[in-house]
């Protein structure tokens, strides 16, 4: 059975993702390389990871991936 997130949980999650995106923008090299050129920022208190790559002066976000999914689906 899959539970729908409450509005409170959804707001907390989106706030946390925004915080991590800001951290990535301010210091893109902070998070470790995991797969070739891809970096992963694990979001505290939520089972999600932000997967991104630095290309020249840009940060490309590939996914906000749910870590409870099959890891072979990860970009």
N, C-alpha and C. Protein backbone atom coordinates (compact mmCIF):
# COMPACT_ATOMS: atom_id res chain seq x y z
N UNK A 1 0.84 -1.18 0.00
CA UNK A 1 0.00 0.00 0.00
C UNK A 1 0.89 1.25 0.00
N UNK A 2 0.65 2.14 -0.93
CA UNK A 2 1.41 3.37 -1.04
C UNK A 2 0.61 4.50 -0.40
N UNK A 3 1.27 5.19 0.53
CA UNK A 3 0.61 6.31 1.19
C UNK A 3 0.89 7.59 0.43
N UNK A 4 -0.12 8.43 0.29
CA UNK A 4 0.06 9.74 -0.32
C UNK A 4 0.69 10.67 0.70
N UNK A 5 1.64 11.51 0.26
CA UNK A 5 2.22 12.45 1.22
C UNK A 5 1.21 13.53 1.62
N UNK A 6 1.29 13.95 2.85
CA UNK A 6 0.44 15.04 3.30
C UNK A 6 1.01 16.35 2.76
N UNK A 7 0.21 17.40 2.81
CA UNK A 7 0.71 18.72 2.37
C UNK A 7 1.92 19.14 3.17
N UNK A 8 1.92 18.86 4.46
CA UNK A 8 3.04 19.22 5.32
C UNK A 8 4.30 18.49 4.88
N UNK A 9 4.19 17.18 4.62
CA UNK A 9 5.34 16.39 4.18
C UNK A 9 5.83 16.89 2.83
N UNK A 10 4.92 17.17 1.92
CA UNK A 10 5.29 17.65 0.60
C UNK A 10 6.02 18.99 0.69
N UNK A 11 5.54 19.89 1.54
CA UNK A 11 6.20 21.20 1.71
C UNK A 11 7.60 21.02 2.30
N UNK A 12 7.73 20.13 3.29
CA UNK A 12 9.05 19.88 3.88
C UNK A 12 10.01 19.31 2.84
N UNK A 13 9.50 18.37 2.03
CA UNK A 13 10.33 17.75 1.00
C UNK A 13 10.80 18.79 -0.03
N UNK A 14 9.86 19.59 -0.55
CA UNK A 14 10.24 20.57 -1.57
C UNK A 14 11.21 21.61 -1.00
N UNK A 15 11.01 22.01 0.25
CA UNK A 15 11.93 22.95 0.90
C UNK A 15 13.33 22.33 1.00
N UNK A 16 13.40 21.05 1.37
CA UNK A 16 14.68 20.37 1.50
C UNK A 16 15.36 20.25 0.14
N UNK A 17 14.60 19.93 -0.91
CA UNK A 17 15.18 19.84 -2.26
C UNK A 17 15.71 21.21 -2.69
N UNK A 18 14.95 22.26 -2.44
CA UNK A 18 15.40 23.61 -2.78
C UNK A 18 16.69 23.97 -2.04
N UNK A 19 16.78 23.57 -0.77
CA UNK A 19 17.99 23.82 0.01
C UNK A 19 19.19 23.11 -0.61
N UNK A 20 19.00 21.85 -0.98
CA UNK A 20 20.10 21.10 -1.58
C UNK A 20 20.48 21.64 -2.96
N UNK A 21 19.51 22.06 -3.75
CA UNK A 21 19.83 22.66 -5.04
C UNK A 21 20.64 23.94 -4.87
N UNK A 22 20.31 24.70 -3.85
CA UNK A 22 21.08 25.91 -3.54
C UNK A 22 22.50 25.54 -3.12
N UNK A 23 22.64 24.50 -2.29
CA UNK A 23 23.98 24.05 -1.88
C UNK A 23 24.79 23.60 -3.08
N UNK A 24 24.16 22.88 -3.99
CA UNK A 24 24.84 22.43 -5.20
C UNK A 24 25.28 23.63 -6.03
N UNK A 25 24.40 24.62 -6.16
CA UNK A 25 24.72 25.81 -6.94
C UNK A 25 25.89 26.58 -6.32
N UNK A 26 25.92 26.68 -5.00
CA UNK A 26 26.96 27.44 -4.31
C UNK A 26 28.30 26.71 -4.26
N UNK A 27 28.27 25.39 -4.23
CA UNK A 27 29.50 24.61 -4.14
C UNK A 27 29.31 23.28 -4.87
N UNK A 28 29.31 23.29 -6.20
CA UNK A 28 28.98 22.09 -6.96
C UNK A 28 29.96 20.93 -6.77
N UNK A 29 31.18 21.19 -6.36
CA UNK A 29 32.17 20.12 -6.18
C UNK A 29 32.07 19.45 -4.81
N UNK A 30 31.21 19.95 -3.96
CA UNK A 30 31.09 19.43 -2.59
C UNK A 30 30.65 17.96 -2.55
N UNK A 31 29.73 17.59 -3.39
CA UNK A 31 29.17 16.24 -3.35
C UNK A 31 30.03 15.30 -4.20
N UNK A 32 30.13 14.04 -3.78
CA UNK A 32 31.08 13.12 -4.42
C UNK A 32 30.66 12.64 -5.81
N UNK A 33 31.69 12.33 -6.61
CA UNK A 33 31.47 11.67 -7.89
C UNK A 33 31.07 10.23 -7.60
N UNK A 34 30.06 9.73 -8.30
CA UNK A 34 29.59 8.36 -8.06
C UNK A 34 29.66 7.49 -9.30
N UNK A 35 29.33 8.05 -10.45
CA UNK A 35 29.26 7.24 -11.66
C UNK A 35 29.84 8.06 -12.81
N UNK A 36 31.13 7.89 -13.07
CA UNK A 36 31.77 8.69 -14.10
C UNK A 36 31.83 10.14 -13.70
N UNK A 37 31.07 10.98 -14.40
CA UNK A 37 31.05 12.42 -14.12
C UNK A 37 29.85 12.84 -13.28
N UNK A 38 28.99 11.89 -12.93
CA UNK A 38 27.79 12.22 -12.17
C UNK A 38 28.09 12.33 -10.68
N UNK A 39 27.48 13.31 -10.07
CA UNK A 39 27.59 13.53 -8.62
C UNK A 39 26.25 13.25 -7.98
N UNK A 40 26.29 12.85 -6.70
CA UNK A 40 25.06 12.53 -5.98
C UNK A 40 25.01 13.27 -4.65
N UNK A 41 23.90 13.96 -4.45
CA UNK A 41 23.65 14.66 -3.19
C UNK A 41 22.47 13.98 -2.50
N UNK A 42 22.77 13.23 -1.44
CA UNK A 42 21.70 12.55 -0.71
C UNK A 42 20.95 13.54 0.17
N UNK A 43 19.63 13.53 0.07
CA UNK A 43 18.79 14.47 0.82
C UNK A 43 18.49 13.88 2.19
N UNK A 44 18.91 14.60 3.22
CA UNK A 44 18.69 14.13 4.59
C UNK A 44 17.21 14.02 4.91
N UNK A 45 16.86 13.00 5.65
CA UNK A 45 15.51 12.73 6.17
C UNK A 45 14.51 12.28 5.10
N UNK A 46 14.94 12.19 3.86
CA UNK A 46 14.08 11.72 2.78
C UNK A 46 14.86 10.71 1.95
N UNK A 47 14.20 9.69 1.42
CA UNK A 47 14.92 8.66 0.66
C UNK A 47 15.13 9.07 -0.81
N UNK A 48 15.77 10.22 -1.01
CA UNK A 48 15.99 10.73 -2.35
C UNK A 48 17.42 11.22 -2.49
N UNK A 49 17.89 11.20 -3.73
CA UNK A 49 19.22 11.69 -4.06
C UNK A 49 19.09 12.56 -5.32
N UNK A 50 19.82 13.67 -5.34
CA UNK A 50 19.86 14.53 -6.52
C UNK A 50 21.09 14.11 -7.33
N UNK A 51 20.87 13.75 -8.57
CA UNK A 51 21.95 13.30 -9.45
C UNK A 51 22.21 14.40 -10.47
N UNK A 52 23.47 14.86 -10.50
CA UNK A 52 23.79 15.99 -11.38
C UNK A 52 25.20 15.87 -11.94
N UNK A 53 25.46 16.69 -12.94
CA UNK A 53 26.77 16.73 -13.57
C UNK A 53 27.16 18.20 -13.78
N UNK A 54 28.44 18.47 -13.68
CA UNK A 54 28.95 19.81 -13.96
C UNK A 54 29.53 19.78 -15.38
N UNK A 55 28.98 20.62 -16.25
CA UNK A 55 29.46 20.71 -17.63
C UNK A 55 29.84 22.17 -17.88
N UNK A 56 31.14 22.40 -18.06
CA UNK A 56 31.68 23.74 -18.20
C UNK A 56 31.23 24.58 -17.00
N UNK A 57 30.43 25.59 -17.21
CA UNK A 57 29.97 26.45 -16.11
C UNK A 57 28.51 26.20 -15.75
N UNK A 58 27.98 25.06 -16.16
CA UNK A 58 26.57 24.75 -15.88
C UNK A 58 26.44 23.49 -15.04
N UNK A 59 25.36 23.45 -14.28
CA UNK A 59 25.02 22.27 -13.49
C UNK A 59 23.78 21.66 -14.13
N UNK A 60 23.91 20.42 -14.56
CA UNK A 60 22.78 19.71 -15.18
C UNK A 60 22.23 18.70 -14.18
N UNK A 61 20.99 18.88 -13.78
CA UNK A 61 20.34 17.94 -12.86
C UNK A 61 19.63 16.91 -13.70
N UNK A 62 20.00 15.64 -13.50
CA UNK A 62 19.41 14.54 -14.26
C UNK A 62 18.19 13.95 -13.56
N UNK A 63 18.21 13.94 -12.22
CA UNK A 63 17.10 13.31 -11.52
C UNK A 63 17.11 13.68 -10.04
N UNK A 64 15.91 13.66 -9.47
CA UNK A 64 15.73 13.60 -8.03
C UNK A 64 15.17 12.20 -7.84
N UNK A 65 16.07 11.27 -7.50
CA UNK A 65 15.79 9.84 -7.58
C UNK A 65 15.40 9.28 -6.22
N UNK A 66 14.31 8.50 -6.20
CA UNK A 66 13.85 7.83 -4.99
C UNK A 66 14.73 6.60 -4.77
N UNK A 67 15.45 6.57 -3.66
CA UNK A 67 16.39 5.47 -3.40
C UNK A 67 15.69 4.17 -3.04
N UNK A 68 14.37 4.18 -2.88
CA UNK A 68 13.64 2.93 -2.64
C UNK A 68 13.32 2.21 -3.95
N UNK A 69 13.60 2.86 -5.08
CA UNK A 69 13.39 2.24 -6.38
C UNK A 69 14.54 1.29 -6.69
N UNK A 70 14.36 0.54 -7.74
CA UNK A 70 15.40 -0.35 -8.25
C UNK A 70 16.59 0.50 -8.67
N UNK A 71 17.80 0.28 -8.12
CA UNK A 71 18.95 1.12 -8.43
C UNK A 71 19.38 1.05 -9.90
N UNK A 72 18.95 0.03 -10.63
CA UNK A 72 19.29 -0.02 -12.05
C UNK A 72 18.56 1.03 -12.86
N UNK A 73 17.53 1.64 -12.28
CA UNK A 73 16.78 2.71 -12.95
C UNK A 73 17.48 4.05 -12.80
N UNK A 74 18.49 4.11 -11.94
CA UNK A 74 19.22 5.34 -11.67
C UNK A 74 19.97 5.80 -12.91
N UNK A 75 19.94 7.11 -13.20
CA UNK A 75 20.70 7.59 -14.38
C UNK A 75 22.20 7.39 -14.21
